[in-house]
């Protein structure tokens, strides 16, 4: 392994990297300047990857604050490794920009204008690394705290309780009507909608971006005569998750969606064990046993939402 490869394999959140870079710049200005340019190219690539991630839905059954945290770390490490290859060309341009005014034949000093500029840039880079590490650590700590309290992942982020209250307030009248028809507490229905739609954040959208009002992930079978939305979804085959595309029902309103949900549970014998349930864990278990979803952990996930402080805050708001 080459010595340069060792730097490219450093952990991306190693804040000592910036300090080491400053030392290298004093020992070998040209090598230090090149590495600094690679660091800035890596940050540019990280911004590009983050923009791509932000444009992609991340509220599936496998998505959580933990998965997003580790995906972010992976993207940052990938950006660092790509910049180390030196094939994109951005680093060369940055190197030229940072090197203006520097005398390549001498060591940089505080009196050298180019060195001062580069030193300031490296200081900003170090602060960015520190800030990024602190933010990720805070997010990880918040996630761990939420898990310890038994909150569901969909609303564990900051402000989640406000989101849950708004979601519960919006759907409560329709959930109450559906719950009365099914014979279960209304909070069970709110919890089911919250699990399927990540508290409304992942509501299925039609091709033109309009809302489907489908908060329960109800698919459009052969008997469905209404509008549909063809979207990717996760299904489990023999316990293994697979991504497929399915057609889902599109409704004209939440009232129509919740009424159809109640009709679905009442109209099929396989949901007989769900009707009239007054215990949250049994309601969740009966839904899983009925084959409502293929996720082998579906019942446990729904039970956690039903018993979570997030739901209690939402329905009491």
C-alpha atoms as a PDB file:
ATOM      1  CA  UNK A   1       0.000   0.000   0.000  1.00  0.00           C
ATOM      2  CA  UNK A   2       1.330   3.429  -0.899  1.00  0.00           C
ATOM      3  CA  UNK A   3       1.774   6.094   1.752  1.00  0.00           C
ATOM      4  CA  UNK A   4      -0.794   8.271  -0.010  1.00  0.00           C
ATOM      5  CA  UNK A   5      -3.341   5.463   0.275  1.00  0.00           C
ATOM      6  CA  UNK A   6      -3.146   5.661   4.052  1.00  0.00           C
ATOM      7  CA  UNK A   7      -4.491   9.219   4.034  1.00  0.00           C
ATOM      8  CA  UNK A   8      -7.352   8.261   1.708  1.00  0.00           C
ATOM      9  CA  UNK A   9      -8.369   5.468   4.097  1.00  0.00           C
ATOM     10  CA  UNK A  10      -8.663   7.701   7.162  1.00  0.00           C
ATOM     11  CA  UNK A  11     -12.053   7.818   8.837  1.00  0.00           C
ATOM     12  CA  UNK A  12     -13.945  10.784   7.473  1.00  0.00           C
ATOM     13  CA  UNK A  13     -14.849  12.177  10.931  1.00  0.00           C
ATOM     14  CA  UNK A  14     -11.260  12.113  12.167  1.00  0.00           C
ATOM     15  CA  UNK A  15     -10.933  15.781  13.179  1.00  0.00           C
ATOM     16  CA  UNK A  16      -7.191  15.322  13.659  1.00  0.00           C
ATOM     17  CA  UNK A  17      -6.929  15.150   9.866  1.00  0.00           C
ATOM     18  CA  UNK A  18      -7.101  18.932   9.527  1.00  0.00           C
ATOM     19  CA  UNK A  19      -4.365  19.429  12.154  1.00  0.00           C
ATOM     20  CA  UNK A  20      -2.181  16.836  10.434  1.00  0.00           C
ATOM     21  CA  UNK A  21      -2.729  18.618   7.151  1.00  0.00           C
ATOM     22  CA  UNK A  22      -1.541  21.905   8.612  1.00  0.00           C
ATOM     23  CA  UNK A  23       1.619  20.196   9.858  1.00  0.00           C
ATOM     24  CA  UNK A  24       2.236  18.592   6.471  1.00  0.00           C
ATOM     25  CA  UNK A  25       1.832  21.965   4.778  1.00  0.00           C
ATOM     26  CA  UNK A  26       4.685  23.352   6.867  1.00  0.00           C
ATOM     27  CA  UNK A  27       6.910  20.344   6.218  1.00  0.00           C
ATOM     28  CA  UNK A  28       6.133  19.944   2.512  1.00  0.00           C
ATOM     29  CA  UNK A  29       4.138  22.864   1.056  1.00  0.00           C
ATOM     30  CA  UNK A  30       3.455  21.274  -2.317  1.00  0.00           C
ATOM     31  CA  UNK A  31       2.232  17.955  -0.878  1.00  0.00           C
ATOM     32  CA  UNK A  32       0.202  19.743   1.780  1.00  0.00           C
ATOM     33  CA  UNK A  33      -1.393  22.023  -0.794  1.00  0.00           C
ATOM     34  CA  UNK A  34      -2.395  19.051  -2.941  1.00  0.00           C
ATOM     35  CA  UNK A  35      -3.941  17.235   0.006  1.00  0.00           C
ATOM     36  CA  UNK A  36      -5.811  20.366   1.093  1.00  0.00           C
ATOM     37  CA  UNK A  37      -7.302  20.637  -2.389  1.00  0.00           C
ATOM     38  CA  UNK A  38      -8.421  17.011  -2.154  1.00  0.00           C
ATOM     39  CA  UNK A  39     -10.102  17.744   1.182  1.00  0.00           C
ATOM     40  CA  UNK A  40     -12.077  20.627  -0.333  1.00  0.00           C
ATOM     41  CA  UNK A  41     -13.006  18.514  -3.360  1.00  0.00           C
ATOM     42  CA  UNK A  42     -14.259  15.859  -0.946  1.00  0.00           C
ATOM     43  CA  UNK A  43     -16.476  18.423   0.800  1.00  0.00           C
ATOM     44  CA  UNK A  44     -17.879  19.477  -2.589  1.00  0.00           C
ATOM     45  CA  UNK A  45     -18.673  15.862  -3.436  1.00  0.00           C
ATOM     46  CA  UNK A  46     -20.326  15.409  -0.040  1.00  0.00           C
ATOM     47  CA  UNK A  47     -22.613  18.362  -0.761  1.00  0.00           C
ATOM     48  CA  UNK A  48     -23.539  16.829  -4.116  1.00  0.00           C
ATOM     49  CA  UNK A  49     -24.302  13.452  -2.538  1.00  0.00           C
ATOM     50  CA  UNK A  50     -26.355  15.093   0.189  1.00  0.00           C
ATOM     51  CA  UNK A  51     -28.429  16.934  -2.405  1.00  0.00           C
ATOM     52  CA  UNK A  52     -29.080  13.656  -4.188  1.00  0.00           C
ATOM     53  CA  UNK A  53     -30.107  11.977  -0.924  1.00  0.00           C
ATOM     54  CA  UNK A  54     -32.416  14.866  -0.031  1.00  0.00           C
ATOM     55  CA  UNK A  55     -34.174  14.485  -3.371  1.00  0.00           C
ATOM     56  CA  UNK A  56     -34.825  10.789  -2.710  1.00  0.00           C
ATOM     57  CA  UNK A  57     -37.671   9.592  -0.428  1.00  0.00           C
ATOM     58  CA  UNK A  58     -36.195   8.166   2.785  1.00  0.00           C
ATOM     59  CA  UNK A  59     -39.228   7.187   4.805  1.00  0.00           C
ATOM     60  CA  UNK A  60     -39.584   3.523   3.899  1.00  0.00           C
ATOM     61  CA  UNK A  61     -39.865   0.693   6.382  1.00  0.00           C
ATOM     62  CA  UNK A  62     -36.086   0.321   6.407  1.00  0.00           C
ATOM     63  CA  UNK A  63     -35.412   4.033   6.857  1.00  0.00           C
ATOM     64  CA  UNK A  64     -34.760   5.519  10.280  1.00  0.00           C
ATOM     65  CA  UNK A  65     -32.585   8.125  11.936  1.00  0.00           C
ATOM     66  CA  UNK A  66     -29.970   5.414  12.459  1.00  0.00           C
ATOM     67  CA  UNK A  67     -29.947   4.320   8.815  1.00  0.00           C
ATOM     68  CA  UNK A  68     -29.793   7.926   7.620  1.00  0.00           C
ATOM     69  CA  UNK A  69     -26.897   8.599  10.029  1.00  0.00           C
ATOM     70  CA  UNK A  70     -24.823   5.688   8.754  1.00  0.00           C
ATOM     71  CA  UNK A  71     -25.726   6.458   5.129  1.00  0.00           C
ATOM     72  CA  UNK A  72     -24.447   9.989   5.649  1.00  0.00           C
ATOM     73  CA  UNK A  73     -21.173   8.671   7.068  1.00  0.00           C
ATOM     74  CA  UNK A  74     -20.867   6.259   4.134  1.00  0.00           C
ATOM     75  CA  UNK A  75     -21.445   9.084   1.644  1.00  0.00           C
ATOM     76  CA  UNK A  76     -18.805  11.226   3.318  1.00  0.00           C
ATOM     77  CA  UNK A  77     -16.295   8.393   3.262  1.00  0.00           C
ATOM     78  CA  UNK A  78     -17.111   7.702  -0.388  1.00  0.00           C
ATOM     79  CA  UNK A  79     -16.586  11.369  -1.266  1.00  0.00           C
ATOM     80  CA  UNK A  80     -13.236  11.348   0.511  1.00  0.00           C
ATOM     81  CA  UNK A  81     -12.072   8.231  -1.345  1.00  0.00           C
ATOM     82  CA  UNK A  82     -13.238   9.594  -4.702  1.00  0.00           C
ATOM     83  CA  UNK A  83     -11.368  12.838  -4.179  1.00  0.00           C
ATOM     84  CA  UNK A  84      -8.235  10.871  -3.250  1.00  0.00           C
ATOM     85  CA  UNK A  85      -8.277   9.240  -6.694  1.00  0.00           C
ATOM     86  CA  UNK A  86      -7.696  12.617  -8.321  1.00  0.00           C
ATOM     87  CA  UNK A  87      -9.705  11.740 -11.442  1.00  0.00           C
ATOM     88  CA  UNK A  88     -12.466  14.351 -11.211  1.00  0.00           C
ATOM     89  CA  UNK A  89     -10.265  17.393 -11.766  1.00  0.00           C
ATOM     90  CA  UNK A  90     -11.809  19.684  -9.155  1.00  0.00           C
ATOM     91  CA  UNK A  91      -8.866  19.245  -6.819  1.00  0.00           C
ATOM     92  CA  UNK A  92      -6.426  20.544  -9.432  1.00  0.00           C
ATOM     93  CA  UNK A  93      -8.455  23.715  -9.888  1.00  0.00           C
ATOM     94  CA  UNK A  94      -8.745  24.192  -6.139  1.00  0.00           C
ATOM     95  CA  UNK A  95      -5.011  23.595  -5.770  1.00  0.00           C
ATOM     96  CA  UNK A  96      -4.293  26.318  -8.287  1.00  0.00           C
ATOM     97  CA  UNK A  97      -6.631  28.704  -6.498  1.00  0.00           C
ATOM     98  CA  UNK A  98      -5.209  28.015  -3.036  1.00  0.00           C
ATOM     99  CA  UNK A  99      -1.633  28.180  -4.324  1.00  0.00           C
ATOM    100  CA  UNK A 100      -1.873  31.669  -5.766  1.00  0.00           C
ATOM    101  CA  UNK A 101       0.638  33.960  -4.168  1.00  0.00           C
ATOM    102  CA  UNK A 102       2.613  31.109  -2.577  1.00  0.00           C
ATOM    103  CA  UNK A 103       6.291  30.700  -3.313  1.00  0.00           C
ATOM    104  CA  UNK A 104       6.784  27.015  -4.059  1.00  0.00           C
ATOM    105  CA  UNK A 105      10.502  27.282  -3.307  1.00  0.00           C
ATOM    106  CA  UNK A 106      10.047  28.387   0.277  1.00  0.00           C
ATOM    107  CA  UNK A 107       8.144  27.149   3.272  1.00  0.00           C
ATOM    108  CA  UNK A 108       4.925  29.037   4.002  1.00  0.00           C
ATOM    109  CA  UNK A 109       5.110  31.579   6.786  1.00  0.00           C
ATOM    110  CA  UNK A 110       2.595  33.837   8.437  1.00  0.00           C
ATOM    111  CA  UNK A 111       3.940  36.701   6.309  1.00  0.00           C
ATOM    112  CA  UNK A 112       3.240  34.884   3.019  1.00  0.00           C
ATOM    113  CA  UNK A 113      -0.134  36.155   1.663  1.00  0.00           C
ATOM    114  CA  UNK A 114      -0.969  32.862  -0.033  1.00  0.00           C
ATOM    115  CA  UNK A 115      -0.049  30.896   3.065  1.00  0.00           C
ATOM    116  CA  UNK A 116      -2.223  33.099   5.244  1.00  0.00           C
ATOM    117  CA  UNK A 117      -5.137  32.566   2.902  1.00  0.00           C
ATOM    118  CA  UNK A 118      -4.567  28.825   2.872  1.00  0.00           C
ATOM    119  CA  UNK A 119      -4.159  28.759   6.628  1.00  0.00           C
ATOM    120  CA  UNK A 120      -7.501  30.525   6.998  1.00  0.00           C
ATOM    121  CA  UNK A 121      -9.086  28.048   4.599  1.00  0.00           C
ATOM    122  CA  UNK A 122      -7.704  25.110   6.558  1.00  0.00           C
ATOM    123  CA  UNK A 123      -9.029  26.650   9.755  1.00  0.00           C
ATOM    124  CA  UNK A 124     -12.491  26.784   8.166  1.00  0.00           C
ATOM    125  CA  UNK A 125     -12.110  23.190   7.040  1.00  0.00           C
ATOM    126  CA  UNK A 126     -11.206  22.082  10.548  1.00  0.00           C
ATOM    127  CA  UNK A 127     -14.186  23.927  12.017  1.00  0.00           C
ATOM    128  CA  UNK A 128     -16.460  22.333   9.418  1.00  0.00           C
ATOM    129  CA  UNK A 129     -15.194  18.878  10.366  1.00  0.00           C
ATOM    130  CA  UNK A 130     -15.755  19.590  14.055  1.00  0.00           C
ATOM    131  CA  UNK A 131     -19.245  20.974  13.459  1.00  0.00           C
ATOM    132  CA  UNK A 132     -20.179  18.007  11.280  1.00  0.00           C
ATOM    133  CA  UNK A 133     -18.994  15.540  13.906  1.00  0.00           C
ATOM    134  CA  UNK A 134     -20.912  17.353  16.660  1.00  0.00           C
ATOM    135  CA  UNK A 135     -24.090  17.432  14.591  1.00  0.00           C
ATOM    136  CA  UNK A 136     -23.887  13.736  13.761  1.00  0.00           C
ATOM    137  CA  UNK A 137     -23.148  12.843  17.358  1.00  0.00           C
ATOM    138  CA  UNK A 138     -26.120  14.895  18.525  1.00  0.00           C
ATOM    139  CA  UNK A 139     -28.408  13.216  16.006  1.00  0.00           C
ATOM    140  CA  UNK A 140     -27.185   9.790  17.080  1.00  0.00           C
ATOM    141  CA  UNK A 141     -27.711  10.657  20.743  1.00  0.00           C
ATOM    142  CA  UNK A 142     -31.226  11.909  20.052  1.00  0.00           C
ATOM    143  CA  UNK A 143     -32.054   8.697  18.231  1.00  0.00           C
ATOM    144  CA  UNK A 144     -30.735   6.581  21.090  1.00  0.00           C
ATOM    145  CA  UNK A 145     -32.734   8.607  23.594  1.00  0.00           C
ATOM    146  CA  UNK A 146     -35.899   8.194  21.547  1.00  0.00           C
ATOM    147  CA  UNK A 147     -35.357   4.449  21.345  1.00  0.00           C
ATOM    148  CA  UNK A 148     -34.846   4.259  25.104  1.00  0.00           C
ATOM    149  CA  UNK A 149     -38.135   6.061  25.650  1.00  0.00           C
ATOM    150  CA  UNK A 150     -39.916   3.695  23.301  1.00  0.00           C
ATOM    151  CA  UNK A 151     -40.799   6.277  20.678  1.00  0.00           C
ATOM    152  CA  UNK A 152     -41.276   5.216  17.082  1.00  0.00           C
ATOM    153  CA  UNK A 153     -38.621   6.115  14.554  1.00  0.00           C
ATOM    154  CA  UNK A 154     -40.929   8.126  12.338  1.00  0.00           C
ATOM    155  CA  UNK A 155     -41.271  10.926  14.900  1.00  0.00           C
ATOM    156  CA  UNK A 156     -38.063  10.665  16.883  1.00  0.00           C
ATOM    157  CA  UNK A 157     -36.421  13.676  15.264  1.00  0.00           C
ATOM    158  CA  UNK A 158     -36.595  17.120  16.826  1.00  0.00           C
ATOM    159  CA  UNK A 159     -40.089  18.534  16.488  1.00  0.00           C
ATOM    160  CA  UNK A 160     -41.555  15.073  16.011  1.00  0.00           C
ATOM    161  CA  UNK A 161     -44.111  15.596  18.765  1.00  0.00           C
ATOM    162  CA  UNK A 162     -45.430  18.692  16.992  1.00  0.00           C
ATOM    163  CA  UNK A 163     -45.634  16.747  13.740  1.00  0.00           C
ATOM    164  CA  UNK A 164     -47.459  13.907  15.457  1.00  0.00           C
ATOM    165  CA  UNK A 165     -49.969  16.257  17.074  1.00  0.00           C
ATOM    166  CA  UNK A 166     -50.645  17.928  13.747  1.00  0.00           C
ATOM    167  CA  UNK A 167     -51.024  14.568  12.013  1.00  0.00           C
ATOM    168  CA  UNK A 168     -53.332  13.216  14.733  1.00  0.00           C
ATOM    169  CA  UNK A 169     -55.405  16.399  14.736  1.00  0.00           C
ATOM    170  CA  UNK A 170     -55.800  16.242  10.963  1.00  0.00           C
ATOM    171  CA  UNK A 171     -56.915  12.610  10.767  1.00  0.00           C
ATOM    172  CA  UNK A 172     -58.677  12.186  14.123  1.00  0.00           C
ATOM    173  CA  UNK A 173     -62.277  12.737  12.910  1.00  0.00           C
ATOM    174  CA  UNK A 174     -61.822  10.215  10.099  1.00  0.00           C
ATOM    175  CA  UNK A 175     -59.962   7.773  12.360  1.00  0.00           C
ATOM    176  CA  UNK A 176     -62.767   7.998  14.922  1.00  0.00           C
ATOM    177  CA  UNK A 177     -65.410   7.159  12.302  1.00  0.00           C
ATOM    178  CA  UNK A 178     -63.368   4.235  10.961  1.00  0.00           C
ATOM    179  CA  UNK A 179     -62.609   2.976  14.474  1.00  0.00           C
ATOM    180  CA  UNK A 180     -66.296   3.008  15.403  1.00  0.00           C
ATOM    181  CA  UNK A 181     -67.065   0.958  12.299  1.00  0.00           C
ATOM    182  CA  UNK A 182     -64.334  -1.577  13.096  1.00  0.00           C
ATOM    183  CA  UNK A 183     -64.967  -1.612  16.852  1.00  0.00           C
ATOM    184  CA  UNK A 184     -61.483  -0.571  17.993  1.00  0.00           C
ATOM    185  CA  UNK A 185     -60.099   2.500  19.786  1.00  0.00           C
ATOM    186  CA  UNK A 186     -59.478   5.429  17.463  1.00  0.00           C
ATOM    187  CA  UNK A 187     -55.841   5.730  18.532  1.00  0.00           C
ATOM    188  CA  UNK A 188     -55.193   2.272  17.023  1.00  0.00           C
ATOM    189  CA  UNK A 189     -56.320   3.545  13.644  1.00  0.00           C
ATOM    190  CA  UNK A 190     -54.216   6.720  13.991  1.00  0.00           C
ATOM    191  CA  UNK A 191     -51.206   4.555  14.886  1.00  0.00           C
ATOM    192  CA  UNK A 192     -51.757   2.327  11.866  1.00  0.00           C
ATOM    193  CA  UNK A 193     -51.918   5.338   9.563  1.00  0.00           C
ATOM    194  CA  UNK A 194     -48.837   6.808  11.246  1.00  0.00           C
ATOM    195  CA  UNK A 195     -46.826   3.614  10.748  1.00  0.00           C
ATOM    196  CA  UNK A 196     -47.763   3.250   7.095  1.00  0.00           C
ATOM    197  CA  UNK A 197     -47.207   6.911   6.205  1.00  0.00           C
ATOM    198  CA  UNK A 198     -44.438   7.928   8.670  1.00  0.00           C
ATOM    199  CA  UNK A 199     -46.842  10.354  10.341  1.00  0.00           C
ATOM    200  CA  UNK A 200     -47.995  11.640   6.966  1.00  0.00           C
ATOM    201  CA  UNK A 201     -44.479  12.416   5.721  1.00  0.00           C
ATOM    202  CA  UNK A 202     -44.446   9.505   3.254  1.00  0.00           C
ATOM    203  CA  UNK A 203     -47.980   9.654   1.962  1.00  0.00           C
ATOM    204  CA  UNK A 204     -48.194   7.963  -1.417  1.00  0.00           C
ATOM    205  CA  UNK A 205     -48.217  10.477  -4.254  1.00  0.00           C
ATOM    206  CA  UNK A 206     -49.740  10.203  -7.702  1.00  0.00           C
ATOM    207  CA  UNK A 207     -47.565  10.546 -10.799  1.00  0.00           C
ATOM    208  CA  UNK A 208     -48.256  14.292 -10.972  1.00  0.00           C
ATOM    209  CA  UNK A 209     -47.288  14.755  -7.321  1.00  0.00           C
ATOM    210  CA  UNK A 210     -50.833  15.181  -6.075  1.00  0.00           C
ATOM    211  CA  UNK A 211     -51.803  13.487  -2.774  1.00  0.00           C
ATOM    212  CA  UNK A 212     -53.376  10.056  -2.843  1.00  0.00           C
ATOM    213  CA  UNK A 213     -54.783  10.388   0.705  1.00  0.00           C
ATOM    214  CA  UNK A 214     -53.798   6.731   1.028  1.00  0.00           C
ATOM    215  CA  UNK A 215     -52.330   6.596   4.549  1.00  0.00           C
ATOM    216  CA  UNK A 216     -52.701   2.829   4.973  1.00  0.00           C
ATOM    217  CA  UNK A 217     -50.750   1.550   1.968  1.00  0.00           C
ATOM    218  CA  UNK A 218     -53.850  -0.081   0.481  1.00  0.00           C
ATOM    219  CA  UNK A 219     -53.007  -1.624  -2.877  1.00  0.00           C
ATOM    220  CA  UNK A 220     -55.197  -1.424  -5.939  1.00  0.00           C
ATOM    221  CA  UNK A 221     -56.332  -4.960  -6.696  1.00  0.00           C
ATOM    222  CA  UNK A 222     -58.346  -6.119  -9.670  1.00  0.00           C
ATOM    223  CA  UNK A 223     -61.590  -5.073  -8.025  1.00  0.00           C
ATOM    224  CA  UNK A 224     -60.467  -1.463  -7.588  1.00  0.00           C
ATOM    225  CA  UNK A 225     -62.066   0.823 -10.209  1.00  0.00           C
ATOM    226  CA  UNK A 226     -60.617   4.136  -9.062  1.00  0.00           C
ATOM    227  CA  UNK A 227     -57.409   6.017  -9.749  1.00  0.00           C
ATOM    228  CA  UNK A 228     -54.057   4.445  -8.880  1.00  0.00           C
ATOM    229  CA  UNK A 229     -50.472   5.439  -8.141  1.00  0.00           C
ATOM    230  CA  UNK A 230     -47.590   3.241  -9.273  1.00  0.00           C
ATOM    231  CA  UNK A 231     -44.794   3.604  -6.718  1.00  0.00           C
ATOM    232  CA  UNK A 232     -41.856   1.560  -5.379  1.00  0.00           C
ATOM    233  CA  UNK A 233     -42.446  -0.352  -2.164  1.00  0.00           C
ATOM    234  CA  UNK A 234     -40.707  -2.922   0.021  1.00  0.00           C
ATOM    235  CA  UNK A 235     -42.068  -6.449   0.248  1.00  0.00           C
ATOM    236  CA  UNK A 236     -40.686  -9.456   2.106  1.00  0.00           C
ATOM    237  CA  UNK A 237     -40.298 -12.765   0.293  1.00  0.00           C
ATOM    238  CA  UNK A 238     -39.324 -15.623   2.608  1.00  0.00           C
ATOM    239  CA  UNK A 239     -38.224 -13.038   5.150  1.00  0.00           C
ATOM    240  CA  UNK A 240     -35.980 -11.185   2.674  1.00  0.00           C
ATOM    241  CA  UNK A 241     -36.771  -7.589   1.763  1.00  0.00           C
ATOM    242  CA  UNK A 242     -37.191  -6.808  -1.926  1.00  0.00           C
ATOM    243  CA  UNK A 243     -38.046  -3.543  -3.665  1.00  0.00           C
ATOM    244  CA  UNK A 244     -40.877  -3.769  -6.169  1.00  0.00           C
ATOM    245  CA  UNK A 245     -43.352  -1.442  -7.829  1.00  0.00           C
ATOM    246  CA  UNK A 246     -47.017  -1.769  -6.952  1.00  0.00           C
ATOM    247  CA  UNK A 247     -50.236   0.049  -7.744  1.00  0.00           C
ATOM    248  CA  UNK A 248     -51.894   1.747  -4.791  1.00  0.00           C
ATOM    249  CA  UNK A 249     -55.346   3.208  -4.450  1.00  0.00           C
ATOM    250  CA  UNK A 250     -55.829   6.956  -4.856  1.00  0.00           C
ATOM    251  CA  UNK A 251     -58.702   8.590  -2.985  1.00  0.00           C
ATOM    252  CA  UNK A 252     -60.401  11.929  -3.243  1.00  0.00           C
ATOM    253  CA  UNK A 253     -60.072  12.772   0.456  1.00  0.00           C
ATOM    254  CA  UNK A 254     -58.969  11.433   3.819  1.00  0.00           C
ATOM    255  CA  UNK A 255     -62.597  10.756   4.664  1.00  0.00           C
ATOM    256  CA  UNK A 256     -62.849   8.449   1.639  1.00  0.00           C
ATOM    257  CA  UNK A 257     -59.545   6.768   2.504  1.00  0.00           C
ATOM    258  CA  UNK A 258     -60.478   5.995   6.108  1.00  0.00           C
ATOM    259  CA  UNK A 259     -63.921   4.775   5.083  1.00  0.00           C
ATOM    260  CA  UNK A 260     -62.333   2.419   2.551  1.00  0.00           C
ATOM    261  CA  UNK A 261     -59.928   1.202   5.263  1.00  0.00           C
ATOM    262  CA  UNK A 262     -62.870   0.346   7.520  1.00  0.00           C
ATOM    263  CA  UNK A 263     -64.688  -1.350   4.662  1.00  0.00           C
ATOM    264  CA  UNK A 264     -61.549  -3.368   3.881  1.00  0.00           C
ATOM    265  CA  UNK A 265     -61.268  -4.703   7.431  1.00  0.00           C
ATOM    266  CA  UNK A 266     -64.981  -5.429   7.752  1.00  0.00           C
ATOM    267  CA  UNK A 267     -65.388  -6.899   4.287  1.00  0.00           C
ATOM    268  CA  UNK A 268     -62.886  -9.770   4.457  1.00  0.00           C
ATOM    269  CA  UNK A 269     -62.968 -12.831   6.682  1.00  0.00           C
ATOM    270  CA  UNK A 270     -59.202 -12.763   7.091  1.00  0.00           C
ATOM    271  CA  UNK A 271     -59.489  -9.580   9.177  1.00  0.00           C
ATOM    272  CA  UNK A 272     -62.041 -11.106  11.571  1.00  0.00           C
ATOM    273  CA  UNK A 273     -59.448 -11.254  14.357  1.00  0.00           C
ATOM    274  CA  UNK A 274     -58.856  -7.512  14.055  1.00  0.00           C
ATOM    275  CA  UNK A 275     -62.457  -6.451  14.549  1.00  0.00           C
ATOM    276  CA  UNK A 276     -63.401  -5.401  18.062  1.00  0.00           C
ATOM    277  CA  UNK A 277     -59.863  -5.612  19.482  1.00  0.00           C
ATOM    278  CA  UNK A 278     -59.353  -3.400  22.529  1.00  0.00           C
ATOM    279  CA  UNK A 279     -55.762  -4.354  23.253  1.00  0.00           C
ATOM    280  CA  UNK A 280     -53.091  -2.594  21.188  1.00  0.00           C
ATOM    281  CA  UNK A 281     -50.641  -5.482  21.032  1.00  0.00           C
ATOM    282  CA  UNK A 282     -53.379  -7.925  20.002  1.00  0.00           C
ATOM    283  CA  UNK A 283     -54.709  -5.518  17.401  1.00  0.00           C
ATOM    284  CA  UNK A 284     -51.224  -5.230  15.898  1.00  0.00           C
ATOM    285  CA  UNK A 285     -50.628  -8.971  16.080  1.00  0.00           C
ATOM    286  CA  UNK A 286     -53.983  -9.717  14.439  1.00  0.00           C
ATOM    287  CA  UNK A 287     -53.194  -7.355  11.562  1.00  0.00           C
ATOM    288  CA  UNK A 288     -49.894  -9.108  10.940  1.00  0.00           C
ATOM    289  CA  UNK A 289     -51.512 -12.551  11.188  1.00  0.00           C
ATOM    290  CA  UNK A 290     -54.129 -11.471   8.645  1.00  0.00           C
ATOM    291  CA  UNK A 291     -51.397 -10.808   6.094  1.00  0.00           C
ATOM    292  CA  UNK A 292     -51.953  -7.056   5.976  1.00  0.00           C
ATOM    293  CA  UNK A 293     -48.210  -6.619   5.416  1.00  0.00           C
ATOM    294  CA  UNK A 294     -45.352  -8.965   4.547  1.00  0.00           C
ATOM    295  CA  UNK A 295     -42.890  -7.460   7.038  1.00  0.00           C
ATOM    296  CA  UNK A 296     -42.237 -10.155   9.689  1.00  0.00           C
ATOM    297  CA  UNK A 297     -41.781  -7.385  12.285  1.00  0.00           C
ATOM    298  CA  UNK A 298     -44.927  -5.499  11.285  1.00  0.00           C
ATOM    299  CA  UNK A 299     -46.910  -6.377  14.403  1.00  0.00           C
ATOM    300  CA  UNK A 300     -44.103  -5.363  16.742  1.00  0.00           C
ATOM    301  CA  UNK A 301     -43.608  -2.075  14.904  1.00  0.00           C
ATOM    302  CA  UNK A 302     -47.295  -1.215  15.071  1.00  0.00           C
ATOM    303  CA  UNK A 303     -47.483  -2.157  18.750  1.00  0.00           C
ATOM    304  CA  UNK A 304     -44.550   0.162  19.497  1.00  0.00           C
ATOM    305  CA  UNK A 305     -46.318   3.040  17.779  1.00  0.00           C
ATOM    306  CA  UNK A 306     -49.553   2.334  19.660  1.00  0.00           C
ATOM    307  CA  UNK A 307     -47.725   2.327  22.997  1.00  0.00           C
ATOM    308  CA  UNK A 308     -45.384   5.205  22.216  1.00  0.00           C
ATOM    309  CA  UNK A 309     -45.360   8.582  23.988  1.00  0.00           C
ATOM    310  CA  UNK A 310     -45.436  10.125  20.519  1.00  0.00           C
ATOM    311  CA  UNK A 311     -48.912   8.758  19.853  1.00  0.00           C
ATOM    312  CA  UNK A 312     -50.147   9.671  23.320  1.00  0.00           C
ATOM    313  CA  UNK A 313     -48.967  13.233  22.813  1.00  0.00           C
ATOM    314  CA  UNK A 314     -50.523  13.316  19.380  1.00  0.00           C
ATOM    315  CA  UNK A 315     -53.993  12.149  20.321  1.00  0.00           C
ATOM    316  CA  UNK A 316     -54.067  14.260  23.488  1.00  0.00           C
ATOM    317  CA  UNK A 317     -52.938  17.435  21.692  1.00  0.00           C
END
